Amino acid sequence: MRSLYLTLTVLAVLLVGAPATPQPPPVDASSAVFTVFSRGTPVGSFQTSVADTADGWTITSFGRLGSPMGIILRRATIRYDQQWHPLALTIDATTRGEPTSVETTFANGTAHEQITTKGTPVSTTETVAADAVLLPNPFFGAYEALAARVANAPAGTVLSIYAAPHVQYQARIGPSSSETLQTADGIVTGRQTSVTFLPTGQPPVDASLLIDRSGRLLRLIIPSQGLQVVRDDIAAVSTRRVTISRPNDQSVHVPDNGFDLAGTLSFPATATGATAAARLPAIVLVGPASQIDRDGVSGGVPVMGELAGELADAGFLVLRYDNRGTGQSGGRPDAATLDDYADDARAAVAFVHDRRDVDDDRIALLGNGDGGFIAMIAASKEKKIKALVLVDASSTTGAVLTLARQRQALAASPLSTADKDKRIALQKQVQQAVLTGKGWEGVPAAVRQQSDTPLFKSFLEFNPAEVMRDIRQPILIVQAGQGQETAPADGQQLETLAKARKNGAATLLPIAGVGPRLVAKDGTQVAPNVGPQIATWLLKAFSR
């Protein structure tokens, strides 16, 4: 029997340089375009349509897969009856310049097949399960039938698969979970279901299907083979996974310097946006200067999303946003510095300041983790910010912080003491070279490429003690009690710096028993007592 690897992914072996899609045959309004990725590289695309008529279901597909397979799929069609029993399969394709056609009919549990390759027809007849799902290679559009069968089937259901020609095996349906995606056109809600293919005499192959509410395929992933087949609207870089949302959340676009930041506004349960009866206090959430989206997922927990919910429940309008060049936000992060990210935060503050439902005398900025550096810079420059919250922010320079984190990571490493010392020496050399532009000799090219950036230089140069002198707002310093990336002493030092200012209103809020990014000890959510305490402090600070 042929390998299931080839049956499932004829193209998952180093396919590159897919040529343009051929001229499509007519398709109906239910058509969709999919991109095929092999280990993250796009290697082909196809269009598929699903038609539901009184006679049954018809799936039609065409497309191309790149070299070395060199497959041009001019047309592939599968017909099922209304109960998803297979009726017929036809394939018209060219593989490496050789025409291939398949004509198969199904009746009474028997498949009658004629395959023509290089002009030579071969006919076969074999027994096939009457309810088999047809997954011919390389007809990825055929997975639309698998999606339809899986969509409403309970976990544990076993399906018969016929990978024409000749290959038969089973697939067992596993557990499902919901997944929500936000695309440029709106929200797409799907059901992600695990499926295990069970070829005879071969190891099981795990896969997952993401299926929309109508039973149409959104995404196929086979991790062990590095294969993804993704519908184009959710394959776009602007698409993001919605990990958390509230019933009255609103998607917004924040005007920035030449581009927009995409974000989410969360409201108190009784508020309805601009029509709210009373003007609300507002808070903007800022994460680290990295490719992080508005939900700020850390260890599987959407920290920023959950924090936004807690603050909204406490009566605040809350804005969180995708960082520049991430998710649905525009802009380029490659040449950005901490100052640029701070300007993004100021743009977000200006956005909420101009809303009719916001009290512009009660706007706060919250910096989470390394986002504290960004929030400090923004607060030092922006008078619209009336209060500043720093969550697990460092009190040291970026250079000291980076080296401390390197030492912390190496402490848990099995490397020898000598090797650890070499790593620390290299880290010091790199940081000095970034700051001075000199001393790159002996540094691996890949390390320099990763490190020699405007953002890393600005991070290393940042000094909270210097910026703190220019911050006039009252400051709340939230410090986790254990397991954090910053030390408890950081909170105390930030409090000392803040109170040394001319207008030194500052409060240190230790949160005991909380891990990194304020995630609860069980690792499943943000500690539920954090948001209310922040809200209480802010309301008092605004009233001073």
Protein backbone atom coordinates (compact mmCIF):
# COMPACT_ATOMS: atom_id res chain seq x y z
CA MET A 1 0.00 0.00 0.00
CA ARG A 2 1.25 3.50 -0.78
CA SER A 3 2.48 5.74 1.99
CA LEU A 4 -0.18 7.88 3.62
CA TYR A 5 2.38 10.68 3.62
CA LEU A 6 2.15 10.84 -0.17
CA THR A 7 -1.59 10.33 -0.12
CA LEU A 8 -2.21 13.23 2.19
CA THR A 9 0.44 15.67 1.03
CA VAL A 10 1.81 15.08 -2.39
CA LEU A 11 3.35 18.53 -2.17
CA ALA A 12 4.64 18.62 1.38
CA VAL A 13 8.19 17.75 0.25
CA LEU A 14 10.11 20.97 -0.32
CA LEU A 15 7.71 22.52 -2.81
CA VAL A 16 8.66 26.04 -3.86
CA GLY A 17 7.93 28.56 -6.56
CA ALA A 18 4.30 27.75 -7.37
CA PRO A 19 3.41 29.27 -10.78
CA ALA A 20 0.32 31.31 -11.41
CA THR A 21 -3.09 29.64 -11.10
CA PRO A 22 -4.50 28.49 -14.46
CA GLN A 23 -7.57 30.06 -16.05
CA PRO A 24 -10.50 28.87 -13.91
CA PRO A 25 -13.51 26.97 -15.18
CA PRO A 26 -16.92 28.36 -14.23
CA VAL A 27 -17.69 28.12 -10.49
CA ASP A 28 -20.69 29.12 -8.46
CA ALA A 29 -21.10 31.71 -5.72
CA SER A 30 -20.01 29.22 -3.02
CA SER A 31 -16.42 29.15 -4.28
CA ALA A 32 -13.37 29.86 -2.11
CA VAL A 33 -9.65 30.21 -2.77
CA PHE A 34 -7.13 28.30 -0.66
CA THR A 35 -3.38 28.68 -0.29
CA VAL A 36 -1.25 25.61 0.37
CA PHE A 37 1.75 26.03 2.68
CA SER A 38 4.61 23.58 3.15
CA ARG A 39 6.55 24.37 6.34
CA GLY A 40 5.37 27.95 6.20
CA THR A 41 6.18 28.52 2.51
CA PRO A 42 3.32 28.99 0.03
CA VAL A 43 3.65 26.28 -2.63
CA GLY A 44 0.39 26.51 -4.53
CA SER A 45 -3.22 27.54 -4.52
CA PHE A 46 -6.55 26.23 -5.69
CA GLN A 47 -10.15 27.30 -5.95
CA THR A 48 -12.97 25.09 -4.85
CA SER A 49 -16.75 25.29 -4.96
CA VAL A 50 -19.43 23.30 -3.20
CA ALA A 51 -22.88 23.03 -4.78
CA ASP A 52 -25.89 21.61 -2.92
CA THR A 53 -28.70 20.51 -5.25
CA ALA A 54 -31.64 18.15 -5.12
CA ASP A 55 -29.41 15.46 -6.65
CA GLY A 56 -26.74 15.79 -3.95
CA TRP A 57 -23.41 17.53 -3.43
CA THR A 58 -20.82 18.47 -6.04
CA ILE A 59 -17.31 19.63 -5.15
CA THR A 60 -15.26 21.17 -7.95
CA SER A 61 -11.66 22.36 -7.79
CA PHE A 62 -8.76 23.57 -9.92
CA GLY A 63 -5.31 25.00 -9.21
CA ARG A 64 -1.55 24.49 -9.32
CA LEU A 65 1.11 23.01 -7.05
CA GLY A 66 4.72 24.03 -7.65
CA SER A 67 7.92 22.15 -8.37
CA PRO A 68 9.15 19.50 -7.94
CA MET A 69 5.64 17.99 -8.33
CA GLY A 70 4.67 20.42 -11.09
CA ILE A 71 0.96 19.61 -10.86
CA ILE A 72 -1.62 21.50 -12.88
CA LEU A 73 -5.09 20.50 -11.74
CA ARG A 74 -7.34 21.66 -14.56
CA ARG A 75 -10.45 20.28 -12.98
CA ALA A 76 -11.37 17.79 -10.30
CA THR A 77 -14.98 16.95 -9.48
CA ILE A 78 -16.54 14.75 -6.83
CA ARG A 79 -20.26 14.02 -6.61
CA TYR A 80 -22.07 12.71 -3.53
CA ASP A 81 -25.74 12.05 -2.92
CA GLN A 82 -27.62 13.98 -0.24
CA GLN A 83 -26.45 11.53 2.44
CA TRP A 84 -22.80 12.01 1.41
CA HIS A 85 -22.47 8.63 -0.29
CA PRO A 86 -19.95 8.94 -3.15
CA LEU A 87 -21.29 8.77 -6.71
CA ALA A 88 -18.48 9.80 -9.04
CA LEU A 89 -14.96 11.22 -9.21
CA THR A 90 -13.20 12.79 -12.19
CA ILE A 91 -9.73 14.34 -12.31
CA ASP A 92 -8.08 16.08 -15.25
CA ALA A 93 -4.49 17.03 -14.40
CA THR A 94 -0.92 17.26 -15.66
CA THR A 95 1.95 16.02 -13.49
CA ARG A 96 5.48 17.00 -14.52
CA GLY A 97 4.22 17.57 -18.03
CA GLU A 98 2.41 14.23 -18.27
CA PRO A 99 -1.40 14.29 -18.65
CA THR A 100 -3.35 12.20 -16.15
CA SER A 101 -7.05 11.52 -15.91
CA VAL A 102 -9.17 9.58 -13.44
CA GLU A 103 -12.76 8.46 -14.00
CA THR A 104 -14.40 6.65 -11.09
CA THR A 105 -18.01 5.70 -10.45
CA PHE A 106 -19.43 4.25 -7.24
CA ALA A 107 -22.39 1.92 -6.88
CA ASN A 108 -23.44 -0.70 -4.33
CA GLY A 109 -20.17 -0.42 -2.39
CA THR A 110 -18.01 -0.87 -5.48
CA ALA A 111 -15.65 1.58 -7.18
CA HIS A 112 -15.17 1.24 -10.95
CA GLU A 113 -12.06 3.20 -11.87
CA GLN A 114 -10.19 4.06 -15.04
CA ILE A 115 -6.86 5.84 -14.79
CA THR A 116 -5.14 7.12 -17.92
CA THR A 117 -1.45 8.05 -17.70
CA LYS A 118 0.78 8.76 -20.72
CA GLY A 119 -2.15 7.81 -22.91
CA THR A 120 -2.52 4.32 -21.43
CA PRO A 121 -5.81 3.52 -19.66
CA VAL A 122 -5.93 1.07 -16.74
CA SER A 123 -9.25 -0.14 -15.33
CA THR A 124 -9.81 -1.52 -11.83
CA THR A 125 -12.72 -2.52 -9.63
CA GLU A 126 -12.60 -2.68 -5.85
CA THR A 127 -14.86 -2.73 -2.82
CA VAL A 128 -15.27 0.62 -1.07
CA ALA A 129 -17.40 1.56 1.94
CA ALA A 130 -20.71 3.00 0.77
CA ASP A 131 -20.24 6.09 2.96
CA ALA A 132 -16.52 6.59 2.26
CA VAL A 133 -15.06 10.10 2.13
CA LEU A 134 -13.07 10.53 -1.08
CA LEU A 135 -9.65 12.16 -0.57
CA PRO A 136 -7.85 11.70 -3.90
CA ASN A 137 -4.34 13.01 -4.19
CA PRO A 138 -3.75 15.98 -4.80
CA PHE A 139 -7.36 17.16 -4.67
CA PHE A 140 -7.32 19.23 -1.48
CA GLY A 141 -10.76 20.54 -2.39
CA ALA A 142 -11.95 17.05 -1.46
CA TYR A 143 -11.44 17.97 2.19
CA GLU A 144 -14.61 20.05 1.88
CA ALA A 145 -16.47 16.71 2.10
CA LEU A 146 -14.46 15.71 5.16
CA ALA A 147 -15.29 19.07 6.75
CA ALA A 148 -18.99 18.57 6.07
CA ARG A 149 -18.91 15.08 7.60
CA VAL A 150 -16.87 16.19 10.63
CA ALA A 151 -18.85 19.39 11.30
CA ASN A 152 -21.62 17.81 13.38
CA ALA A 153 -20.09 14.43 14.23
CA PRO A 154 -19.35 13.62 17.87
CA ALA A 155 -15.85 12.83 19.08
CA GLY A 156 -15.01 9.17 18.60
CA THR A 157 -16.80 8.84 15.26
CA VAL A 158 -14.81 6.74 12.77
CA LEU A 159 -15.02 7.53 9.05
CA SER A 160 -13.96 5.42 6.08
CA ILE A 161 -11.54 7.16 3.70
CA TYR A 162 -10.90 6.23 0.08
CA ALA A 163 -7.79 7.96 -1.29
CA ALA A 164 -8.34 7.02 -4.91
CA PRO A 165 -6.88 5.05 -6.41
CA HIS A 166 -6.61 1.91 -4.26
CA VAL A 167 -5.75 3.34 -0.84
CA GLN A 168 -8.27 2.89 1.97
CA TYR A 169 -7.97 3.67 5.67
CA GLN A 170 -9.96 5.16 8.55
CA ALA A 171 -10.12 8.52 10.29
CA ARG A 172 -11.16 9.00 13.90
CA ILE A 173 -12.73 12.31 14.94
CA GLY A 174 -11.38 13.85 18.12
CA PRO A 175 -12.45 16.70 20.41
CA SER A 176 -13.51 20.12 19.15
CA SER A 177 -13.18 23.69 20.33
CA SER A 178 -14.46 26.99 19.02
CA GLU A 179 -12.17 29.50 17.33
CA THR A 180 -12.99 33.06 16.35
CA LEU A 181 -10.99 34.96 13.75
CA GLN A 182 -11.16 38.61 12.86
CA THR A 183 -10.46 39.25 9.19
CA ALA A 184 -10.38 42.48 7.22
CA ASP A 185 -14.02 41.80 6.31
CA GLY A 186 -15.35 40.89 9.74
CA ILE A 187 -15.62 38.09 12.28
CA VAL A 188 -15.38 34.42 11.25
CA THR A 189 -16.44 31.84 13.82
CA GLY A 190 -15.34 28.27 13.35
CA ARG A 191 -15.09 24.91 15.04
CA GLN A 192 -11.64 23.37 15.26
CA THR A 193 -11.74 19.58 15.36
CA SER A 194 -8.86 17.15 15.65
CA VAL A 195 -8.83 14.21 13.25
CA THR A 196 -6.48 11.22 13.37
CA PHE A 197 -5.86 9.31 10.14
CA LEU A 198 -5.29 5.60 10.77
CA PRO A 199 -3.48 3.96 7.83
CA THR A 200 -3.05 0.22 8.08
CA GLY A 201 0.50 -0.71 9.05
CA GLN A 202 1.61 2.89 9.45
CA PRO A 203 1.77 5.32 12.39
CA PRO A 204 -1.31 7.50 12.99
CA VAL A 205 -1.26 10.95 11.43
CA ASP A 206 -2.79 13.77 13.46
CA ALA A 207 -4.54 16.66 11.73
CA SER A 208 -6.94 19.44 12.58
CA LEU A 209 -9.78 20.96 10.60
CA LEU A 210 -11.21 24.42 11.14
CA ILE A 211 -14.78 24.46 9.84
CA ASP A 212 -17.17 27.39 9.61
CA ARG A 213 -20.78 27.39 10.78
CA SER A 214 -22.06 26.23 7.38
CA GLY A 215 -19.76 23.21 7.35
CA ARG A 216 -17.24 24.70 4.90
CA LEU A 217 -13.52 24.18 5.24
CA LEU A 218 -11.48 27.10 6.60
CA ARG A 219 -8.16 25.42 7.36
CA LEU A 220 -6.47 22.01 7.29
CA ILE A 221 -3.29 21.45 9.31
CA ILE A 222 -1.14 18.30 9.38
CA PRO A 223 1.65 19.28 11.80
CA SER A 224 3.93 16.27 11.30
CA GLN A 225 4.15 17.05 7.59
CA GLY A 226 4.38 20.83 7.91
CA LEU A 227 1.25 21.16 5.79
CA GLN A 228 -1.38 23.87 5.99
CA VAL A 229 -4.23 24.47 3.56
CA VAL A 230 -5.84 27.79 4.45
CA ARG A 231 -8.72 29.77 2.96
CA ASP A 232 -7.32 33.04 1.68
CA ASP A 233 -9.37 35.39 3.87
CA ILE A 234 -8.00 33.84 7.05
CA ALA A 235 -4.52 33.27 5.59
CA ALA A 236 -4.03 37.05 5.27
CA VAL A 237 -1.52 38.64 7.62
CA SER A 238 -4.26 41.01 8.77
CA THR A 239 -6.28 38.15 10.23
CA ARG A 240 -5.99 37.58 13.95
CA ARG A 241 -7.32 34.99 16.35
CA VAL A 242 -9.81 36.49 18.77
CA THR A 243 -8.92 34.92 22.09
CA ILE A 244 -11.36 36.95 24.20
CA SER A 245 -14.24 39.36 23.63
CA ARG A 246 -17.16 40.98 25.40
CA PRO A 247 -20.71 41.24 24.04
CA ASN A 248 -20.45 44.99 23.39
CA ASP A 249 -16.83 45.13 22.22
CA GLN A 250 -16.20 47.35 19.20
CA SER A 251 -13.46 47.05 16.60
CA VAL A 252 -11.88 50.42 15.86
CA HIS A 253 -9.10 51.90 13.73
CA VAL A 254 -6.89 54.48 15.41
CA PRO A 255 -5.31 57.07 13.07
CA ASP A 256 -1.55 57.11 13.55
CA ASN A 257 1.34 58.72 11.65
CA GLY A 258 0.54 57.55 8.11
CA PHE A 259 -1.22 54.32 9.09
CA ASP A 260 -3.94 52.98 11.37
CA LEU A 261 -3.72 50.93 14.52
CA ALA A 262 -6.45 48.29 14.78
CA GLY A 263 -7.90 47.86 18.22
CA THR A 264 -10.81 46.86 20.41
CA LEU A 265 -12.89 49.11 22.65
CA SER A 266 -14.43 47.44 25.68
CA PHE A 267 -17.27 49.14 27.54
CA PRO A 268 -19.02 48.67 30.87
CA ALA A 269 -21.96 46.32 30.47
CA THR A 270 -24.43 49.21 30.75
CA ALA A 271 -22.67 51.44 28.21
CA THR A 272 -23.28 51.39 24.47
CA GLY A 273 -20.37 53.38 23.08
CA ALA A 274 -20.90 56.98 21.98
CA THR A 275 -24.53 56.90 23.17
CA ALA A 276 -23.60 56.26 26.81
CA ALA A 277 -25.56 58.45 29.20
CA ALA A 278 -22.49 59.61 31.15
CA ARG A 279 -18.96 60.24 30.00
CA LEU A 280 -16.68 57.41 31.07
CA PRO A 281 -13.18 57.26 32.47
CA ALA A 282 -10.87 55.62 29.93
CA ILE A 283 -7.68 53.60 29.96
CA VAL A 284 -5.37 52.59 27.10
CA LEU A 285 -3.40 49.34 27.47
CA VAL A 286 0.14 49.14 26.08
CA GLY A 287 2.18 45.97 25.68
CA PRO A 288 5.88 45.41 24.90
CA ALA A 289 7.46 46.70 21.68
CA SER A 290 7.17 43.41 19.80
CA GLN A 291 4.94 41.60 17.35
CA ILE A 292 2.13 41.25 19.86
CA ASP A 293 -1.54 41.73 19.19
CA ARG A 294 -4.17 43.49 21.28
CA ASP A 295 -4.97 40.46 23.47
CA GLY A 296 -1.38 40.13 24.74
CA VAL A 297 -1.38 36.34 25.04
CA SER A 298 1.20 35.06 27.53
CA GLY A 299 1.42 31.36 28.34
CA GLY A 300 -1.91 30.83 26.60
CA VAL A 301 -3.64 33.53 28.67
CA PRO A 302 -4.93 36.67 26.87
CA VAL A 303 -3.57 38.99 29.55
CA MET A 304 -4.49 42.31 27.94
CA GLY A 305 -7.89 41.02 26.86
CA GLU A 306 -8.78 39.76 30.33
CA LEU A 307 -7.45 42.90 31.98
CA ALA A 308 -9.55 44.99 29.60
CA GLY A 309 -12.62 43.02 30.65
CA GLU A 310 -11.95 43.54 34.36
CA LEU A 311 -11.43 47.27 33.89
CA ALA A 312 -14.56 47.59 31.75
CA ASP A 313 -16.54 45.78 34.43
CA ALA A 314 -15.23 48.41 36.86
CA GLY A 315 -16.76 51.19 34.76
CA PHE A 316 -13.98 52.11 32.32
CA LEU A 317 -13.87 52.42 28.56
CA VAL A 318 -10.78 50.38 27.64
CA LEU A 319 -8.78 50.46 24.41
CA ARG A 320 -6.23 47.83 23.48
CA TYR A 321 -4.62 47.57 20.05
CA ASP A 322 -2.42 45.46 17.79
CA ASN A 323 1.14 46.78 17.73
CA ARG A 324 2.30 48.37 14.50
CA GLY A 325 2.86 45.82 11.73
CA THR A 326 1.00 43.16 13.73
CA GLY A 327 -2.46 41.70 13.27
CA GLN A 328 -4.64 44.26 11.56
CA SER A 329 -2.49 47.29 12.35
CA GLY A 330 -0.50 49.04 9.66
CA GLY A 331 2.96 50.52 9.95
CA ARG A 332 6.41 48.99 9.77
CA PRO A 333 8.14 47.74 12.92
CA ASP A 334 11.56 47.17 11.32
CA ALA A 335 12.94 50.68 11.86
CA ALA A 336 10.79 51.64 14.87
CA THR A 337 12.23 52.67 18.24
CA LEU A 338 10.68 52.87 21.70
CA ASP A 339 9.86 56.50 20.93
CA ASP A 340 7.88 55.39 17.87
CA TYR A 341 5.91 52.88 19.93
CA ALA A 342 5.29 55.64 22.48
CA ASP A 343 3.92 57.83 19.68
CA ASP A 344 1.55 54.97 18.80
CA ALA A 345 0.35 54.95 22.41
CA ARG A 346 -0.16 58.72 22.29
CA ALA A 347 -2.22 58.31 19.11
CA ALA A 348 -4.39 55.77 20.96
CA VAL A 349 -4.82 58.22 23.85
CA ALA A 350 -5.79 61.02 21.44
CA PHE A 351 -8.36 58.67 19.88
CA VAL A 352 -10.18 58.03 23.15
CA HIS A 353 -9.74 61.68 24.22
CA ASP A 354 -11.77 62.82 21.20
CA ARG A 355 -14.69 60.48 21.84
CA ARG A 356 -17.93 62.02 23.09
CA ASP A 357 -18.46 59.23 25.61
CA VAL A 358 -15.07 59.76 27.33
CA ASP A 359 -14.31 62.18 30.13
CA ASP A 360 -11.07 63.70 28.84
CA ASP A 361 -9.98 64.60 32.37
CA ARG A 362 -9.98 60.91 33.31
CA ILE A 363 -7.73 59.10 30.83
CA ALA A 364 -5.05 56.69 32.01
CA LEU A 365 -2.29 54.75 30.28
CA LEU A 366 -1.25 51.26 31.44
CA GLY A 367 2.08 49.74 30.43
CA ASN A 368 2.36 45.98 30.91
CA GLY A 369 5.82 44.40 31.34
CA ASP A 370 8.26 46.00 28.92
CA GLY A 371 5.33 48.08 27.74
CA GLY A 372 6.09 50.06 30.89
CA PHE A 373 9.05 51.67 29.10
CA ILE A 374 6.74 52.76 26.27
CA ALA A 375 4.11 54.04 28.70
CA MET A 376 6.69 56.10 30.61
CA ILE A 377 7.90 57.80 27.44
CA ALA A 378 4.33 58.50 26.29
CA ALA A 379 3.31 59.90 29.70
CA SER A 380 6.36 62.16 29.81
CA LYS A 381 5.26 63.77 26.54
CA GLU A 382 1.44 63.65 26.59
CA LYS A 383 -0.68 65.94 28.77
CA LYS A 384 -3.88 64.12 27.76
CA ILE A 385 -2.70 61.26 29.98
CA LYS A 386 -3.93 61.98 33.50
CA ALA A 387 -2.63 58.88 35.30
CA LEU A 388 -0.04 56.19 34.64
CA VAL A 389 -0.13 52.51 35.63
CA LEU A 390 3.05 50.41 35.41
CA VAL A 391 2.53 46.64 35.67
CA ASP A 392 5.67 44.59 36.35
CA ALA A 393 7.88 47.28 34.81
CA SER A 394 11.64 47.35 35.32
CA SER A 395 13.45 50.10 37.20
CA THR A 396 16.80 49.42 35.52
CA THR A 397 18.14 50.39 32.12
CA GLY A 398 17.31 48.15 29.19
CA ALA A 399 20.95 47.08 29.00
CA VAL A 400 21.02 45.91 32.62
CA LEU A 401 17.63 44.24 32.25
CA THR A 402 18.61 42.34 29.10
CA LEU A 403 21.81 41.02 30.65
CA ALA A 404 19.96 40.00 33.83
CA ARG A 405 17.44 38.05 31.77
CA GLN A 406 20.26 36.31 29.90
CA ARG A 407 21.80 35.24 33.20
CA GLN A 408 18.42 34.08 34.48
CA ALA A 409 17.86 31.95 31.38
CA LEU A 410 21.33 30.43 31.59
CA ALA A 411 20.90 29.60 35.28
CA ALA A 412 18.35 26.95 34.31
CA SER A 413 20.45 25.70 31.38
CA PRO A 414 22.40 22.39 31.44
CA LEU A 415 25.38 24.15 29.82
CA SER A 416 28.73 24.03 31.55
CA THR A 417 29.95 27.02 33.55
CA ALA A 418 32.49 27.78 30.83
CA ASP A 419 29.85 27.78 28.12
CA LYS A 420 27.59 30.00 30.22
CA ASP A 421 30.43 32.45 30.70
CA LYS A 422 30.99 32.53 26.93
CA ARG A 423 27.32 33.31 26.35
CA ILE A 424 27.40 36.15 28.87
CA ALA A 425 30.58 37.54 27.31
CA LEU A 426 28.97 37.45 23.87
CA GLN A 427 25.86 39.16 25.21
CA LYS A 428 27.97 41.96 26.69
CA GLN A 429 29.90 42.34 23.43
CA VAL A 430 26.71 42.51 21.38
CA GLN A 431 25.11 45.09 23.65
CA GLN A 432 28.21 47.27 23.60
CA ALA A 433 28.43 47.00 19.81
CA VAL A 434 24.77 47.95 19.42
CA LEU A 435 25.25 51.01 21.63
CA THR A 436 28.53 52.18 20.07
CA GLY A 437 28.44 50.79 16.55
CA LYS A 438 31.86 49.24 17.16
CA GLY A 439 33.18 45.84 18.24
CA TRP A 440 31.18 43.47 16.03
CA GLU A 441 34.28 41.39 15.25
CA GLY A 442 33.68 37.73 16.02
CA VAL A 443 29.92 38.11 16.49
CA PRO A 444 28.00 35.57 14.35
CA ALA A 445 26.23 37.21 11.41
CA ALA A 446 22.83 35.86 12.47
CA VAL A 447 23.26 37.33 15.96
CA ARG A 448 24.21 40.72 14.56
CA GLN A 449 21.30 40.71 12.14
CA GLN A 450 18.90 40.03 14.99
CA SER A 451 20.46 42.51 17.42
CA ASP A 452 21.66 45.48 15.37
CA THR A 453 18.29 47.23 15.15
CA PRO A 454 16.99 50.67 16.11
CA LEU A 455 14.50 49.10 18.52
CA PHE A 456 17.06 47.07 20.44
CA LYS A 457 19.39 50.06 20.68
CA SER A 458 16.61 52.26 22.04
CA PHE A 459 15.68 49.53 24.52
CA LEU A 460 19.25 49.20 25.77
CA GLU A 461 19.56 52.98 26.13
CA PHE A 462 16.30 53.47 28.00
CA ASN A 463 16.74 54.62 31.59
CA PRO A 464 13.59 54.86 33.76
CA ALA A 465 15.35 57.22 36.20
CA GLU A 466 15.88 59.81 33.46
CA VAL A 467 12.39 59.61 31.97
CA MET A 468 10.65 59.53 35.36
CA ARG A 469 11.77 63.12 36.06
CA ASP A 470 9.58 64.34 33.18
CA ILE A 471 6.44 62.44 34.20
CA ARG A 472 3.90 64.65 35.97
CA GLN A 473 1.00 62.23 36.36
CA PRO A 474 0.22 60.19 39.48
CA ILE A 475 1.67 56.71 39.10
CA LEU A 476 0.46 53.30 40.25
CA ILE A 477 3.21 50.66 40.31
CA VAL A 478 1.79 47.15 40.27
CA GLN A 479 4.36 44.54 41.26
CA ALA A 480 3.76 40.81 41.15
CA GLY A 481 4.86 38.81 44.15
CA GLN A 482 6.65 35.86 42.58
CA GLY A 483 7.91 34.31 39.37
CA GLN A 484 8.01 37.61 37.51
CA GLU A 485 10.62 38.70 34.96
CA THR A 486 11.31 41.77 37.08
CA ALA A 487 12.38 41.57 40.72
CA PRO A 488 10.31 42.84 43.67
CA ALA A 489 13.02 45.45 44.16
CA ASP A 490 12.03 46.96 40.81
CA GLY A 491 8.68 48.04 42.17
CA GLN A 492 10.28 49.60 45.23
CA GLN A 493 12.87 51.42 43.14
CA LEU A 494 10.23 52.74 40.73
CA GLU A 495 8.25 54.00 43.71
CA THR A 496 11.35 55.78 45.02
CA LEU A 497 11.98 57.37 41.62
CA ALA A 498 8.34 58.41 41.28
CA LYS A 499 8.15 59.97 44.73
CA ALA A 500 11.34 61.93 44.09
CA ARG A 501 9.61 63.93 41.36
CA LYS A 502 8.34 67.45 41.88
CA ASN A 503 4.75 66.16 41.87
CA GLY A 504 5.53 62.80 43.41
CA ALA A 505 2.14 61.13 43.77
CA ALA A 506 2.91 57.41 43.56
CA THR A 507 1.57 54.17 45.01
CA LEU A 508 3.17 50.74 45.08
CA LEU A 509 0.65 47.91 44.81
CA PRO A 510 2.21 44.49 45.53
CA ILE A 511 0.16 41.55 44.25
CA ALA A 512 1.08 38.38 46.13
CA GLY A 513 0.94 34.90 44.67
CA VAL A 514 0.92 36.01 41.04
CA GLY A 515 3.22 34.85 38.25
CA PRO A 516 4.56 36.60 35.14
CA ARG A 517 2.28 39.19 33.52
CA LEU A 518 -0.11 38.98 36.50
CA VAL A 519 -1.30 35.51 35.50
CA ALA A 520 -2.84 33.59 38.38
CA LYS A 521 -0.88 30.75 39.98
CA ASP A 522 -2.96 28.12 38.17
CA GLY A 523 -1.86 29.65 34.83
CA THR A 524 -5.39 29.85 33.42
CA GLN A 525 -6.31 33.52 33.80
CA VAL A 526 -5.26 36.94 35.00
CA ALA A 527 -5.49 37.11 38.79
CA PRO A 528 -9.09 38.30 39.36
CA ASN A 529 -8.20 40.81 42.07
CA VAL A 530 -5.85 42.91 39.90
CA GLY A 531 -8.25 44.83 37.66
CA PRO A 532 -10.57 46.05 40.45
CA GLN A 533 -7.63 47.32 42.52
CA ILE A 534 -6.25 49.25 39.54
CA ALA A 535 -9.69 50.73 38.85
CA THR A 536 -10.17 51.78 42.47
CA TRP A 537 -6.80 53.55 42.54
CA LEU A 538 -7.46 55.31 39.22
CA LEU A 539 -10.82 56.68 40.31
CA LYS A 540 -9.22 58.11 43.45
CA ALA A 541 -6.31 59.56 41.43
CA PHE A 542 -8.68 61.24 39.00
CA SER A 543 -10.61 62.89 41.85
CA ARG A 544 -7.54 64.59 43.37
